[in-house]
């Protein structure tokens, strides 16, 4: 993926977390995902949303629909 900020190539990876990684607008108290939150992976799954990192801009872009296996990350 090309960085939309600087047009350099981004490095593909995942966002890893000890519990289910989510996007939320408030601090999470419960371990269960709320309706207005976006899961980056399913609970206990080995597949994650692809996350692209630009070293130049120090920005990460997450593609929620592109799922990759954590086993494919080297």
PDB file of N, CA and C in Angstrom:
ATOM      1  N   UNK A   1       0.851  -1.175   0.000  1.00  0.00           N
ATOM      2  CA  UNK A   1       0.000   0.000   0.000  1.00  0.00           C
ATOM      3  C   UNK A   1       0.894   1.235   0.000  1.00  0.00           C
ATOM      4  N   UNK A   2       0.466   2.238  -0.727  1.00  0.00           N
ATOM      5  CA  UNK A   2       1.191   3.502  -0.780  1.00  0.00           C
ATOM      6  C   UNK A   2       0.622   4.451   0.269  1.00  0.00           C
ATOM      7  N   UNK A   3       1.488   5.114   1.001  1.00  0.00           N
ATOM      8  CA  UNK A   3       1.070   6.054   2.034  1.00  0.00           C
ATOM      9  C   UNK A   3       0.353   7.243   1.388  1.00  0.00           C
ATOM     10  N   UNK A   4      -0.856   7.571   1.843  1.00  0.00           N
ATOM     11  CA  UNK A   4      -1.579   8.706   1.268  1.00  0.00           C
ATOM     12  C   UNK A   4      -1.009  10.062   1.686  1.00  0.00           C
ATOM     13  N   UNK A   5      -0.085  10.075   2.640  1.00  0.00           N
ATOM     14  CA  UNK A   5       0.504  11.325   3.123  1.00  0.00           C
ATOM     15  C   UNK A   5       1.795  11.678   2.379  1.00  0.00           C
ATOM     16  N   UNK A   6       2.663  10.655   2.140  1.00  0.00           N
ATOM     17  CA  UNK A   6       3.962  10.943   1.524  1.00  0.00           C
ATOM     18  C   UNK A   6       4.210  10.141   0.242  1.00  0.00           C
ATOM     19  N   UNK A   7       3.306   9.253  -0.121  1.00  0.00           N
ATOM     20  CA  UNK A   7       3.381   8.424  -1.331  1.00  0.00           C
ATOM     21  C   UNK A   7       4.508   7.401  -1.311  1.00  0.00           C
ATOM     22  N   UNK A   8       5.074   7.079  -0.153  1.00  0.00           N
ATOM     23  CA  UNK A   8       6.079   6.023  -0.050  1.00  0.00           C
ATOM     24  C   UNK A   8       5.377   4.713   0.282  1.00  0.00           C
ATOM     25  N   UNK A   9       6.080   3.600   0.032  1.00  0.00           N
ATOM     26  CA  UNK A   9       5.521   2.280   0.306  1.00  0.00           C
ATOM     27  C   UNK A   9       5.399   2.051   1.811  1.00  0.00           C
ATOM     28  N   UNK A  10       4.277   1.441   2.225  1.00  0.00           N
ATOM     29  CA  UNK A  10       4.030   1.162   3.639  1.00  0.00           C
ATOM     30  C   UNK A  10       4.323  -0.315   3.924  1.00  0.00           C
ATOM     31  N   UNK A  11       4.667  -0.623   5.162  1.00  0.00           N
ATOM     32  CA  UNK A  11       4.958  -1.985   5.577  1.00  0.00           C
ATOM     33  C   UNK A  11       3.684  -2.626   6.136  1.00  0.00           C
ATOM     34  N   UNK A  12       3.390  -3.847   5.677  1.00  0.00           N
ATOM     35  CA  UNK A  12       2.181  -4.550   6.081  1.00  0.00           C
ATOM     36  C   UNK A  12       2.402  -5.306   7.379  1.00  0.00           C
ATOM     37  N   UNK A  13       1.430  -5.254   8.298  1.00  0.00           N
ATOM     38  CA  UNK A  13       1.495  -5.986   9.550  1.00  0.00           C
ATOM     39  C   UNK A  13       0.115  -6.049  10.176  1.00  0.00           C
ATOM     40  N   UNK A  14       0.064  -6.202  11.489  1.00  0.00           N
ATOM     41  CA  UNK A  14      -1.195  -6.268  12.225  1.00  0.00           C
ATOM     42  C   UNK A  14      -1.081  -5.425  13.496  1.00  0.00           C
ATOM     43  N   UNK A  15      -2.216  -5.117  14.099  1.00  0.00           N
ATOM     44  CA  UNK A  15      -2.258  -4.521  15.430  1.00  0.00           C
ATOM     45  C   UNK A  15      -2.517  -5.683  16.384  1.00  0.00           C
ATOM     46  N   UNK A  16      -1.578  -5.964  17.269  1.00  0.00           N
ATOM     47  CA  UNK A  16      -1.696  -7.087  18.186  1.00  0.00           C
ATOM     48  C   UNK A  16      -2.045  -6.579  19.562  1.00  0.00           C
ATOM     49  N   UNK A  17      -2.914  -7.305  20.255  1.00  0.00           N
ATOM     50  CA  UNK A  17      -3.320  -6.921  21.603  1.00  0.00           C
ATOM     51  C   UNK A  17      -3.558  -8.176  22.427  1.00  0.00           C
ATOM     52  N   UNK A  18      -3.482  -8.052  23.726  1.00  0.00           N
ATOM     53  CA  UNK A  18      -3.697  -9.204  24.604  1.00  0.00           C
ATOM     54  C   UNK A  18      -5.155  -9.644  24.621  1.00  0.00           C
ATOM     55  N   UNK A  19      -6.092  -8.725  24.427  1.00  0.00           N
ATOM     56  CA  UNK A  19      -7.504  -9.075  24.299  1.00  0.00           C
ATOM     57  C   UNK A  19      -7.937  -8.695  22.887  1.00  0.00           C
ATOM     58  N   UNK A  20      -9.207  -8.772  22.608  1.00  0.00           N
ATOM     59  CA  UNK A  20      -9.702  -8.449  21.270  1.00  0.00           C
ATOM     60  C   UNK A  20      -9.386  -6.997  20.934  1.00  0.00           C
ATOM     61  N   UNK A  21      -8.586  -6.736  19.893  1.00  0.00           N
ATOM     62  CA  UNK A  21      -8.306  -5.344  19.536  1.00  0.00           C
ATOM     63  C   UNK A  21      -9.541  -4.700  18.905  1.00  0.00           C
ATOM     64  N   UNK A  22      -9.887  -3.516  19.389  1.00  0.00           N
ATOM     65  CA  UNK A  22     -11.056  -2.800  18.886  1.00  0.00           C
ATOM     66  C   UNK A  22     -10.722  -1.333  18.679  1.00  0.00           C
ATOM     67  N   UNK A  23     -11.553  -0.666  17.901  1.00  0.00           N
ATOM     68  CA  UNK A  23     -11.540   0.787  17.807  1.00  0.00           C
ATOM     69  C   UNK A  23     -12.729   1.262  18.621  1.00  0.00           C
ATOM     70  N   UNK A  24     -12.513   2.253  19.493  1.00  0.00           N
ATOM     71  CA  UNK A  24     -13.589   2.771  20.325  1.00  0.00           C
ATOM     72  C   UNK A  24     -13.389   4.261  20.580  1.00  0.00           C
ATOM     73  N   UNK A  25     -14.464   4.947  20.951  1.00  0.00           N
ATOM     74  CA  UNK A  25     -14.407   6.376  21.259  1.00  0.00           C
ATOM     75  C   UNK A  25     -14.241   6.636  22.746  1.00  0.00           C
ATOM     76  N   UNK A  26     -14.258   5.597  23.561  1.00  0.00           N
ATOM     77  CA  UNK A  26     -14.148   5.781  25.010  1.00  0.00           C
ATOM     78  C   UNK A  26     -13.347   4.638  25.624  1.00  0.00           C
ATOM     79  N   UNK A  27     -12.891   4.842  26.849  1.00  0.00           N
ATOM     80  CA  UNK A  27     -12.117   3.819  27.534  1.00  0.00           C
ATOM     81  C   UNK A  27     -12.973   2.568  27.707  1.00  0.00           C
ATOM     82  N   UNK A  28     -12.369   1.444  27.461  1.00  0.00           N
ATOM     83  CA  UNK A  28     -13.088   0.176  27.525  1.00  0.00           C
ATOM     84  C   UNK A  28     -13.054  -0.375  28.939  1.00  0.00           C
ATOM     85  N   UNK A  29     -14.235  -0.680  29.470  1.00  0.00           N
ATOM     86  CA  UNK A  29     -14.336  -1.267  30.793  1.00  0.00           C
ATOM     87  C   UNK A  29     -14.658  -2.757  30.683  1.00  0.00           C
ATOM     88  N   UNK A  30     -15.518  -3.110  29.756  1.00  0.00           N
ATOM     89  CA  UNK A  30     -15.945  -4.491  29.567  1.00  0.00           C
ATOM     90  C   UNK A  30     -15.042  -5.192  28.546  1.00  0.00           C
ATOM     91  N   UNK A  31     -14.948  -6.518  28.625  1.00  0.00           N
ATOM     92  CA  UNK A  31     -14.176  -7.267  27.621  1.00  0.00           C
ATOM     93  C   UNK A  31     -15.010  -7.531  26.380  1.00  0.00           C
ATOM     94  N   UNK A  32     -16.309  -7.231  26.436  1.00  0.00           N
ATOM     95  CA  UNK A  32     -17.197  -7.474  25.310  1.00  0.00           C
ATOM     96  C   UNK A  32     -17.333  -6.231  24.446  1.00  0.00           C
ATOM     97  N   UNK A  33     -17.332  -6.444  23.122  1.00  0.00           N
ATOM     98  CA  UNK A  33     -17.448  -5.353  22.158  1.00  0.00           C
ATOM     99  C   UNK A  33     -18.863  -4.780  22.178  1.00  0.00           C
ATOM    100  N   UNK A  34     -18.945  -3.449  22.188  1.00  0.00           N
ATOM    101  CA  UNK A  34     -20.231  -2.768  22.101  1.00  0.00           C
ATOM    102  C   UNK A  34     -20.623  -2.593  20.639  1.00  0.00           C
ATOM    103  N   UNK A  35     -21.887  -2.234  20.402  1.00  0.00           N
ATOM    104  CA  UNK A  35     -22.396  -2.069  19.037  1.00  0.00           C
ATOM    105  C   UNK A  35     -21.668  -0.979  18.268  1.00  0.00           C
ATOM    106  N   UNK A  36     -21.232   0.096  18.956  1.00  0.00           N
ATOM    107  CA  UNK A  36     -20.591   1.212  18.266  1.00  0.00           C
ATOM    108  C   UNK A  36     -19.071   1.068  18.172  1.00  0.00           C
ATOM    109  N   UNK A  37     -18.537  -0.106  18.508  1.00  0.00           N
ATOM    110  CA  UNK A  37     -17.098  -0.359  18.426  1.00  0.00           C
ATOM    111  C   UNK A  37     -16.794  -1.243  17.217  1.00  0.00           C
ATOM    112  N   UNK A  38     -15.582  -1.136  16.716  1.00  0.00           N
ATOM    113  CA  UNK A  38     -15.172  -1.898  15.535  1.00  0.00           C
ATOM    114  C   UNK A  38     -14.071  -2.870  15.939  1.00  0.00           C
ATOM    115  N   UNK A  39     -14.334  -4.164  15.757  1.00  0.00           N
ATOM    116  CA  UNK A  39     -13.348  -5.193  16.088  1.00  0.00           C
ATOM    117  C   UNK A  39     -12.314  -5.295  14.971  1.00  0.00           C
ATOM    118  N   UNK A  40     -11.048  -5.368  15.338  1.00  0.00           N
ATOM    119  CA  UNK A  40      -9.972  -5.545  14.369  1.00  0.00           C
ATOM    120  C   UNK A  40      -9.679  -7.024  14.142  1.00  0.00           C
ATOM    121  N   UNK A  41     -10.196  -7.869  15.023  1.00  0.00           N
ATOM    122  CA  UNK A  41     -10.157  -9.320  14.845  1.00  0.00           C
ATOM    123  C   UNK A  41     -11.274  -9.903  15.686  1.00  0.00           C
ATOM    124  N   UNK A  42     -11.643 -11.146  15.391  1.00  0.00           N
ATOM    125  CA  UNK A  42     -12.633 -11.821  16.211  1.00  0.00           C
ATOM    126  C   UNK A  42     -11.951 -12.353  17.460  1.00  0.00           C
ATOM    127  N   UNK A  43     -12.697 -12.478  18.529  1.00  0.00           N
ATOM    128  CA  UNK A  43     -12.164 -12.983  19.790  1.00  0.00           C
ATOM    129  C   UNK A  43     -11.588 -14.383  19.577  1.00  0.00           C
ATOM    130  N   UNK A  44     -10.347 -14.585  20.015  1.00  0.00           N
ATOM    131  CA  UNK A  44      -9.634 -15.871  19.921  1.00  0.00           C
ATOM    132  C   UNK A  44      -9.345 -16.295  18.468  1.00  0.00           C
ATOM    133  N   UNK A  45      -9.338 -15.358  17.554  1.00  0.00           N
ATOM    134  CA  UNK A  45      -9.069 -15.660  16.147  1.00  0.00           C
ATOM    135  C   UNK A  45      -7.577 -15.558  15.847  1.00  0.00           C
ATOM    136  N   UNK A  46      -7.151 -16.233  14.799  1.00  0.00           N
ATOM    137  CA  UNK A  46      -5.772 -16.092  14.324  1.00  0.00           C
ATOM    138  C   UNK A  46      -5.713 -15.163  13.117  1.00  0.00           C
ATOM    139  N   UNK A  47      -6.849 -14.533  12.774  1.00  0.00           N
ATOM    140  CA  UNK A  47      -6.876 -13.578  11.675  1.00  0.00           C
ATOM    141  C   UNK A  47      -7.113 -12.170  12.214  1.00  0.00           C
ATOM    142  N   UNK A  48      -6.392 -11.217  11.649  1.00  0.00           N
ATOM    143  CA  UNK A  48      -6.456  -9.819  12.068  1.00  0.00           C
ATOM    144  C   UNK A  48      -6.689  -8.931  10.851  1.00  0.00           C
ATOM    145  N   UNK A  49      -7.168  -7.728  11.096  1.00  0.00           N
ATOM    146  CA  UNK A  49      -7.253  -6.734  10.032  1.00  0.00           C
ATOM    147  C   UNK A  49      -5.835  -6.302   9.672  1.00  0.00           C
ATOM    148  N   UNK A  50      -5.578  -6.167   8.379  1.00  0.00           N
ATOM    149  CA  UNK A  50      -4.255  -5.725   7.930  1.00  0.00           C
ATOM    150  C   UNK A  50      -4.022  -4.290   8.381  1.00  0.00           C
ATOM    151  N   UNK A  51      -2.810  -4.013   8.829  1.00  0.00           N
ATOM    152  CA  UNK A  51      -2.432  -2.664   9.262  1.00  0.00           C
ATOM    153  C   UNK A  51      -1.135  -2.291   8.547  1.00  0.00           C
ATOM    154  N   UNK A  52      -1.123  -1.149   7.903  1.00  0.00           N
ATOM    155  CA  UNK A  52       0.032  -0.698   7.126  1.00  0.00           C
ATOM    156  C   UNK A  52       0.706   0.464   7.850  1.00  0.00           C
ATOM    157  N   UNK A  53       2.022   0.358   8.014  1.00  0.00           N
ATOM    158  CA  UNK A  53       2.802   1.367   8.748  1.00  0.00           C
ATOM    159  C   UNK A  53       3.722   2.114   7.801  1.00  0.00           C
ATOM    160  N   UNK A  54       3.708   3.443   7.886  1.00  0.00           N
ATOM    161  CA  UNK A  54       4.629   4.281   7.124  1.00  0.00           C
ATOM    162  C   UNK A  54       5.717   4.760   8.073  1.00  0.00           C
ATOM    163  N   UNK A  55       6.939   4.301   7.850  1.00  0.00           N
ATOM    164  CA  UNK A  55       8.061   4.702   8.692  1.00  0.00           C
ATOM    165  C   UNK A  55       8.374   6.189   8.527  1.00  0.00           C
ATOM    166  N   UNK A  56       8.181   6.702   7.328  1.00  0.00           N
ATOM    167  CA  UNK A  56       8.472   8.100   7.044  1.00  0.00           C
ATOM    168  C   UNK A  56       7.514   9.035   7.807  1.00  0.00           C
ATOM    169  N   UNK A  57       6.219   8.769   7.749  1.00  0.00           N
ATOM    170  CA  UNK A  57       5.207   9.625   8.392  1.00  0.00           C
ATOM    171  C   UNK A  57       4.858   9.175   9.809  1.00  0.00           C
ATOM    172  N   UNK A  58       5.235   7.951  10.152  1.00  0.00           N
ATOM    173  CA  UNK A  58       4.897   7.350  11.444  1.00  0.00           C
ATOM    174  C   UNK A  58       3.377   7.292  11.638  1.00  0.00           C
ATOM    175  N   UNK A  59       2.697   6.827  10.576  1.00  0.00           N
ATOM    176  CA  UNK A  59       1.245   6.667  10.609  1.00  0.00           C
ATOM    177  C   UNK A  59       0.900   5.221  10.288  1.00  0.00           C
ATOM    178  N   UNK A  60      -0.223   4.753  10.837  1.00  0.00           N
ATOM    179  CA  UNK A  60      -0.719   3.406  10.576  1.00  0.00           C
ATOM    180  C   UNK A  60      -2.114   3.522   9.967  1.00  0.00           C
ATOM    181  N   UNK A  61      -2.341   2.775   8.903  1.00  0.00           N
ATOM    182  CA  UNK A  61      -3.653   2.704   8.265  1.00  0.00           C
ATOM    183  C   UNK A  61      -4.126   1.263   8.384  1.00  0.00           C
ATOM    184  N   UNK A  62      -5.349   1.084   8.887  1.00  0.00           N
ATOM    185  CA  UNK A  62      -5.900  -0.247   9.102  1.00  0.00           C
ATOM    186  C   UNK A  62      -6.982  -0.511   8.065  1.00  0.00           C
ATOM    187  N   UNK A  63      -6.860  -1.648   7.377  1.00  0.00           N
ATOM    188  CA  UNK A  63      -7.866  -2.086   6.412  1.00  0.00           C
ATOM    189  C   UNK A  63      -8.722  -3.139   7.100  1.00  0.00           C
ATOM    190  N   UNK A  64      -9.872  -2.742   7.603  1.00  0.00           N
ATOM    191  CA  UNK A  64     -10.718  -3.626   8.397  1.00  0.00           C
ATOM    192  C   UNK A  64     -11.176  -4.841   7.596  1.00  0.00           C
ATOM    193  N   UNK A  65     -11.429  -4.692   6.308  1.00  0.00           N
ATOM    194  CA  UNK A  65     -11.929  -5.793   5.497  1.00  0.00           C
ATOM    195  C   UNK A  65     -10.838  -6.760   5.037  1.00  0.00           C
ATOM    196  N   UNK A  66      -9.579  -6.328   5.010  1.00  0.00           N
ATOM    197  CA  UNK A  66      -8.485  -7.212   4.585  1.00  0.00           C
ATOM    198  C   UNK A  66      -7.984  -7.995   5.800  1.00  0.00           C
ATOM    199  N   UNK A  67      -8.317  -9.274   5.855  1.00  0.00           N
ATOM    200  CA  UNK A  67      -7.913 -10.126   6.974  1.00  0.00           C
ATOM    201  C   UNK A  67      -6.667 -10.910   6.600  1.00  0.00           C
ATOM    202  N   UNK A  68      -5.701 -10.957   7.527  1.00  0.00           N
ATOM    203  CA  UNK A  68      -4.492 -11.749   7.322  1.00  0.00           C
ATOM    204  C   UNK A  68      -4.261 -12.595   8.570  1.00  0.00           C
ATOM    205  N   UNK A  69      -3.668 -13.745   8.372  1.00  0.00           N
ATOM    206  CA  UNK A  69      -3.386 -14.647   9.475  1.00  0.00           C
ATOM    207  C   UNK A  69      -2.151 -14.185  10.213  1.00  0.00           C
ATOM    208  N   UNK A  70      -2.186 -14.263  11.540  1.00  0.00           N
ATOM    209  CA  UNK A  70      -1.003 -13.904  12.319  1.00  0.00           C
ATOM    210  C   UNK A  70       0.140 -14.866  12.006  1.00  0.00           C
ATOM    211  N   UNK A  71      -0.167 -16.031  11.463  1.00  0.00           N
ATOM    212  CA  UNK A  71       0.862 -16.996  11.084  1.00  0.00           C
ATOM    213  C   UNK A  71       1.601 -16.565   9.822  1.00  0.00           C
ATOM    214  N   UNK A  72       0.982 -15.648   9.044  1.00  0.00           N
ATOM    215  CA  UNK A  72       1.605 -15.163   7.809  1.00  0.00           C
ATOM    216  C   UNK A  72       2.574 -14.006   8.049  1.00  0.00           C
ATOM    217  N   UNK A  73       2.588 -13.435   9.237  1.00  0.00           N
ATOM    218  CA  UNK A  73       3.465 -12.312   9.560  1.00  0.00           C
ATOM    219  C   UNK A  73       4.826 -12.865   9.950  1.00  0.00           C
ATOM    220  N   UNK A  74       5.868 -12.380   9.277  1.00  0.00           N
ATOM    221  CA  UNK A  74       7.215 -12.849   9.641  1.00  0.00           C
ATOM    222  C   UNK A  74       8.053 -11.756  10.233  1.00  0.00           C
TER     223      UNK A  74
END
